Amino acid sequence: MVNWFCKNCSVAGYDCGPWDDEHQLFRRIKIFHHKHVGFQIGEPEPIKKLSEIEQVFTDYFNTHIDEWLHNVGARLKGPTKVCLLKDKSKWVNISWIF
């Protein structure tokens, strides 16, 4: 078993792999990547771990991104077309129609 990868793949734009040369689909992978300069034996370098401050920011960002996108959309729509998250229950509860 030998692992292959494509460094800075010209199609993907990043390191792809590793692929085991004994895998049933490896022949197709090799044909696809054979002209790529970075196609070689080995494994790509692991992605470096985030520092503590980077991890805190990433977690905070991922937690709040939906709310931020909603606020941006609301501002772009303007005051007449805004459907705020806190008002969602008014739209879901249609009992006021009857």
N, C-alpha and C. Protein backbone atom coordinates (compact mmCIF):
# COMPACT_ATOMS: atom_id res chain seq x y z
N MET A 1 0.84 -1.18 0.00
CA MET A 1 0.00 0.00 0.00
C MET A 1 0.88 1.24 0.00
N VAL A 2 0.66 2.12 -0.97
CA VAL A 2 1.38 3.38 -1.08
C VAL A 2 0.35 4.50 -1.19
N ASN A 3 0.56 5.56 -0.43
CA ASN A 3 -0.35 6.70 -0.49
C ASN A 3 0.16 7.73 -1.48
N TRP A 4 -0.77 8.33 -2.21
CA TRP A 4 -0.48 9.39 -3.17
C TRP A 4 -1.29 10.61 -2.81
N PHE A 5 -0.82 11.80 -3.19
CA PHE A 5 -1.60 13.01 -3.04
C PHE A 5 -1.22 13.99 -4.13
N CYS A 6 -2.05 15.00 -4.31
CA CYS A 6 -1.79 16.03 -5.32
C CYS A 6 -1.60 17.36 -4.60
N LYS A 7 -0.35 17.83 -4.57
CA LYS A 7 -0.03 19.08 -3.88
C LYS A 7 -0.45 20.26 -4.75
N ASN A 8 -1.21 21.18 -4.14
CA ASN A 8 -1.73 22.36 -4.85
C ASN A 8 -2.39 21.94 -6.17
N CYS A 9 -3.34 21.05 -6.09
CA CYS A 9 -4.05 20.52 -7.26
C CYS A 9 -4.55 21.68 -8.13
N SER A 10 -4.29 21.60 -9.41
CA SER A 10 -4.68 22.68 -10.32
C SER A 10 -6.19 22.77 -10.50
N VAL A 11 -6.91 21.71 -10.19
CA VAL A 11 -8.37 21.74 -10.30
C VAL A 11 -8.99 22.22 -8.98
N ALA A 12 -8.57 21.62 -7.87
CA ALA A 12 -9.16 21.96 -6.57
C ALA A 12 -8.57 23.23 -5.97
N GLY A 13 -7.29 23.49 -6.21
CA GLY A 13 -6.65 24.67 -5.65
C GLY A 13 -6.04 24.45 -4.28
N TYR A 14 -6.07 23.23 -3.80
CA TYR A 14 -5.47 22.89 -2.50
C TYR A 14 -4.95 21.46 -2.57
N ASP A 15 -4.31 21.00 -1.48
CA ASP A 15 -3.78 19.64 -1.45
C ASP A 15 -4.93 18.64 -1.40
N CYS A 16 -4.90 17.63 -2.28
CA CYS A 16 -5.92 16.58 -2.32
C CYS A 16 -5.28 15.26 -1.91
N GLY A 17 -6.05 14.43 -1.29
CA GLY A 17 -5.56 13.11 -0.93
C GLY A 17 -5.42 12.98 0.57
N PRO A 18 -4.79 11.94 1.03
CA PRO A 18 -4.08 10.89 0.29
C PRO A 18 -5.03 9.82 -0.23
N TRP A 19 -4.55 9.14 -1.27
CA TRP A 19 -5.27 8.01 -1.85
C TRP A 19 -4.38 6.79 -1.80
N ASP A 20 -4.97 5.67 -1.43
CA ASP A 20 -4.27 4.38 -1.37
C ASP A 20 -4.22 3.79 -2.78
N ASP A 21 -3.02 3.42 -3.23
CA ASP A 21 -2.89 2.90 -4.60
C ASP A 21 -3.52 1.53 -4.79
N GLU A 22 -3.95 0.88 -3.71
CA GLU A 22 -4.62 -0.41 -3.82
C GLU A 22 -6.14 -0.26 -3.86
N HIS A 23 -6.63 0.95 -3.68
CA HIS A 23 -8.07 1.19 -3.70
C HIS A 23 -8.61 0.99 -5.12
N GLN A 24 -9.83 0.52 -5.24
CA GLN A 24 -10.42 0.20 -6.55
C GLN A 24 -10.56 1.41 -7.46
N LEU A 25 -10.72 2.62 -6.91
CA LEU A 25 -10.88 3.82 -7.72
C LEU A 25 -9.56 4.56 -7.97
N PHE A 26 -8.44 4.06 -7.43
CA PHE A 26 -7.18 4.78 -7.57
C PHE A 26 -6.76 4.93 -9.03
N ARG A 27 -7.04 3.94 -9.85
CA ARG A 27 -6.67 4.03 -11.28
C ARG A 27 -7.29 5.28 -11.92
N ARG A 28 -8.56 5.54 -11.62
CA ARG A 28 -9.23 6.73 -12.16
C ARG A 28 -8.62 8.01 -11.59
N ILE A 29 -8.31 7.99 -10.30
CA ILE A 29 -7.70 9.16 -9.66
C ILE A 29 -6.35 9.46 -10.30
N LYS A 30 -5.57 8.40 -10.54
CA LYS A 30 -4.25 8.58 -11.14
C LYS A 30 -4.37 9.13 -12.56
N ILE A 31 -5.32 8.63 -13.33
CA ILE A 31 -5.53 9.14 -14.69
C ILE A 31 -5.91 10.62 -14.64
N PHE A 32 -6.77 10.99 -13.72
CA PHE A 32 -7.23 12.37 -13.60
C PHE A 32 -6.09 13.31 -13.22
N HIS A 33 -5.21 12.87 -12.30
CA HIS A 33 -4.16 13.74 -11.76
C HIS A 33 -2.79 13.54 -12.41
N HIS A 34 -2.65 12.64 -13.37
CA HIS A 34 -1.30 12.28 -13.84
C HIS A 34 -0.53 13.44 -14.47
N LYS A 35 -1.19 14.45 -15.00
CA LYS A 35 -0.48 15.59 -15.60
C LYS A 35 -0.27 16.73 -14.60
N HIS A 36 -0.79 16.59 -13.39
CA HIS A 36 -0.61 17.63 -12.38
C HIS A 36 0.81 17.55 -11.84
N VAL A 37 1.46 18.70 -11.74
CA VAL A 37 2.85 18.77 -11.28
C VAL A 37 3.00 18.23 -9.86
N GLY A 38 2.00 18.46 -9.01
CA GLY A 38 2.10 18.08 -7.60
C GLY A 38 1.67 16.67 -7.28
N PHE A 39 1.30 15.85 -8.27
CA PHE A 39 0.85 14.48 -8.00
C PHE A 39 2.06 13.64 -7.63
N GLN A 40 2.08 13.13 -6.38
CA GLN A 40 3.27 12.45 -5.88
C GLN A 40 2.94 11.45 -4.78
N ILE A 41 3.92 10.65 -4.45
CA ILE A 41 3.78 9.67 -3.37
C ILE A 41 3.95 10.39 -2.04
N GLY A 42 3.16 9.98 -1.06
CA GLY A 42 3.24 10.55 0.28
C GLY A 42 1.89 11.02 0.77
N GLU A 43 1.91 11.87 1.77
CA GLU A 43 0.69 12.44 2.32
C GLU A 43 0.86 13.94 2.46
N PRO A 44 -0.22 14.70 2.26
CA PRO A 44 -0.10 16.15 2.42
C PRO A 44 0.22 16.51 3.87
N GLU A 45 0.83 17.68 4.04
CA GLU A 45 1.14 18.14 5.39
C GLU A 45 -0.16 18.42 6.11
N PRO A 46 -0.23 18.04 7.38
CA PRO A 46 -1.47 18.31 8.12
C PRO A 46 -1.69 19.80 8.28
N ILE A 47 -2.95 20.19 8.33
CA ILE A 47 -3.30 21.58 8.54
C ILE A 47 -2.93 21.95 9.97
N LYS A 48 -2.26 23.09 10.13
CA LYS A 48 -1.80 23.47 11.46
C LYS A 48 -2.99 23.72 12.38
N LYS A 49 -2.78 23.42 13.65
CA LYS A 49 -3.83 23.65 14.63
C LYS A 49 -3.94 25.14 14.89
N LEU A 50 -5.14 25.58 15.19
CA LEU A 50 -5.37 26.98 15.50
C LEU A 50 -4.83 27.31 16.88
N SER A 51 -4.35 28.54 17.03
CA SER A 51 -3.94 28.99 18.36
C SER A 51 -5.20 29.16 19.20
N GLU A 52 -5.03 29.37 20.49
CA GLU A 52 -6.18 29.48 21.38
C GLU A 52 -7.07 30.66 20.99
N ILE A 53 -6.48 31.79 20.69
CA ILE A 53 -7.27 32.98 20.34
C ILE A 53 -7.98 32.77 19.00
N GLU A 54 -7.33 32.10 18.05
CA GLU A 54 -7.97 31.81 16.76
C GLU A 54 -9.15 30.86 16.95
N GLN A 55 -9.01 29.89 17.86
CA GLN A 55 -10.09 28.94 18.12
C GLN A 55 -11.27 29.64 18.78
N VAL A 56 -10.99 30.55 19.72
CA VAL A 56 -12.06 31.29 20.40
C VAL A 56 -12.82 32.13 19.38
N PHE A 57 -12.09 32.83 18.50
CA PHE A 57 -12.74 33.64 17.48
C PHE A 57 -13.57 32.77 16.54
N THR A 58 -13.01 31.64 16.09
CA THR A 58 -13.72 30.75 15.17
C THR A 58 -15.02 30.25 15.79
N ASP A 59 -14.96 29.83 17.05
CA ASP A 59 -16.16 29.36 17.73
C ASP A 59 -17.20 30.47 17.85
N TYR A 60 -16.76 31.68 18.22
CA TYR A 60 -17.67 32.82 18.35
C TYR A 60 -18.30 33.15 17.00
N PHE A 61 -17.48 33.18 15.96
CA PHE A 61 -17.96 33.48 14.61
C PHE A 61 -19.00 32.46 14.17
N ASN A 62 -18.70 31.19 14.33
CA ASN A 62 -19.62 30.13 13.90
C ASN A 62 -20.94 30.17 14.68
N THR A 63 -20.87 30.57 15.94
CA THR A 63 -22.08 30.65 16.77
C THR A 63 -23.00 31.78 16.32
N HIS A 64 -22.43 32.91 15.88
CA HIS A 64 -23.21 34.10 15.60
C HIS A 64 -23.43 34.42 14.12
N ILE A 65 -22.87 33.65 13.21
CA ILE A 65 -22.93 34.00 11.79
C ILE A 65 -24.37 34.05 11.27
N ASP A 66 -25.23 33.14 11.69
CA ASP A 66 -26.61 33.14 11.21
C ASP A 66 -27.34 34.43 11.61
N GLU A 67 -27.14 34.83 12.85
CA GLU A 67 -27.77 36.06 13.33
C GLU A 67 -27.25 37.27 12.55
N TRP A 68 -25.95 37.33 12.30
CA TRP A 68 -25.37 38.46 11.57
C TRP A 68 -25.90 38.52 10.14
N LEU A 69 -25.97 37.37 9.49
CA LEU A 69 -26.49 37.34 8.12
C LEU A 69 -27.95 37.77 8.08
N HIS A 70 -28.71 37.36 9.07
CA HIS A 70 -30.11 37.78 9.15
C HIS A 70 -30.21 39.30 9.29
N ASN A 71 -29.36 39.88 10.16
CA ASN A 71 -29.38 41.33 10.35
C ASN A 71 -28.98 42.07 9.08
N VAL A 72 -27.99 41.55 8.37
CA VAL A 72 -27.58 42.18 7.10
C VAL A 72 -28.73 42.13 6.10
N GLY A 73 -29.37 40.97 6.00
CA GLY A 73 -30.51 40.83 5.08
C GLY A 73 -31.64 41.77 5.45
N ALA A 74 -31.90 41.91 6.73
CA ALA A 74 -32.97 42.81 7.19
C ALA A 74 -32.66 44.25 6.82
N ARG A 75 -31.41 44.66 6.98
CA ARG A 75 -31.05 46.04 6.64
C ARG A 75 -31.13 46.28 5.13
N LEU A 76 -30.76 45.27 4.35
CA LEU A 76 -30.84 45.41 2.89
C LEU A 76 -32.28 45.48 2.41
N LYS A 77 -33.17 44.74 3.05
CA LYS A 77 -34.57 44.73 2.65
C LYS A 77 -35.28 46.03 3.02
N GLY A 78 -34.85 46.65 4.09
CA GLY A 78 -35.48 47.88 4.54
C GLY A 78 -36.59 47.60 5.53
N PRO A 79 -37.13 48.65 6.14
CA PRO A 79 -38.10 48.48 7.23
C PRO A 79 -39.44 47.92 6.78
N THR A 80 -39.79 48.02 5.51
CA THR A 80 -41.10 47.55 5.07
C THR A 80 -41.12 46.07 4.74
N LYS A 81 -39.96 45.45 4.55
CA LYS A 81 -39.92 44.04 4.15
C LYS A 81 -39.25 43.14 5.18
N VAL A 82 -38.98 43.66 6.37
CA VAL A 82 -38.23 42.91 7.37
C VAL A 82 -39.14 41.91 8.06
N CYS A 83 -38.63 40.69 8.21
CA CYS A 83 -39.29 39.66 9.00
C CYS A 83 -38.29 39.25 10.08
N LEU A 84 -38.35 39.88 11.22
CA LEU A 84 -37.39 39.62 12.27
C LEU A 84 -37.60 38.24 12.88
N LEU A 85 -36.51 37.65 13.37
CA LEU A 85 -36.60 36.34 13.99
C LEU A 85 -37.57 36.34 15.16
N LYS A 86 -37.58 37.42 15.95
CA LYS A 86 -38.48 37.48 17.11
C LYS A 86 -39.95 37.54 16.69
N ASP A 87 -40.23 37.97 15.44
CA ASP A 87 -41.60 38.03 14.95
C ASP A 87 -42.03 36.78 14.19
N LYS A 88 -41.16 35.79 14.14
CA LYS A 88 -41.46 34.57 13.39
C LYS A 88 -42.72 33.89 13.92
N SER A 89 -42.91 33.92 15.22
CA SER A 89 -44.07 33.24 15.81
C SER A 89 -45.38 33.83 15.30
N LYS A 90 -45.39 35.12 14.98
CA LYS A 90 -46.60 35.74 14.43
C LYS A 90 -46.96 35.14 13.08
N TRP A 91 -45.95 34.84 12.28
CA TRP A 91 -46.20 34.30 10.95
C TRP A 91 -46.52 32.82 10.99
N VAL A 92 -45.94 32.11 11.95
CA VAL A 92 -46.19 30.67 12.05
C VAL A 92 -47.57 30.41 12.64
N ASN A 93 -47.95 31.20 13.62
CA ASN A 93 -49.25 31.04 14.27
C ASN A 93 -50.30 31.79 13.44
N ILE A 94 -51.05 31.05 12.66
CA ILE A 94 -52.05 31.68 11.79
C ILE A 94 -53.45 31.69 12.41
N SER A 95 -53.54 31.39 13.68
CA SER A 95 -54.86 31.35 14.32
C SER A 95 -55.53 32.73 14.33
N TRP A 96 -54.74 33.80 14.22
CA TRP A 96 -55.32 35.14 14.21
C TRP A 96 -56.14 35.40 12.96
N ILE A 97 -55.97 34.58 11.91
CA ILE A 97 -56.74 34.75 10.67
C ILE A 97 -58.18 34.31 10.86
N PHE A 98 -58.38 33.27 11.66
CA PHE A 98 -59.72 32.69 11.82
C PHE A 98 -60.41 33.34 12.93
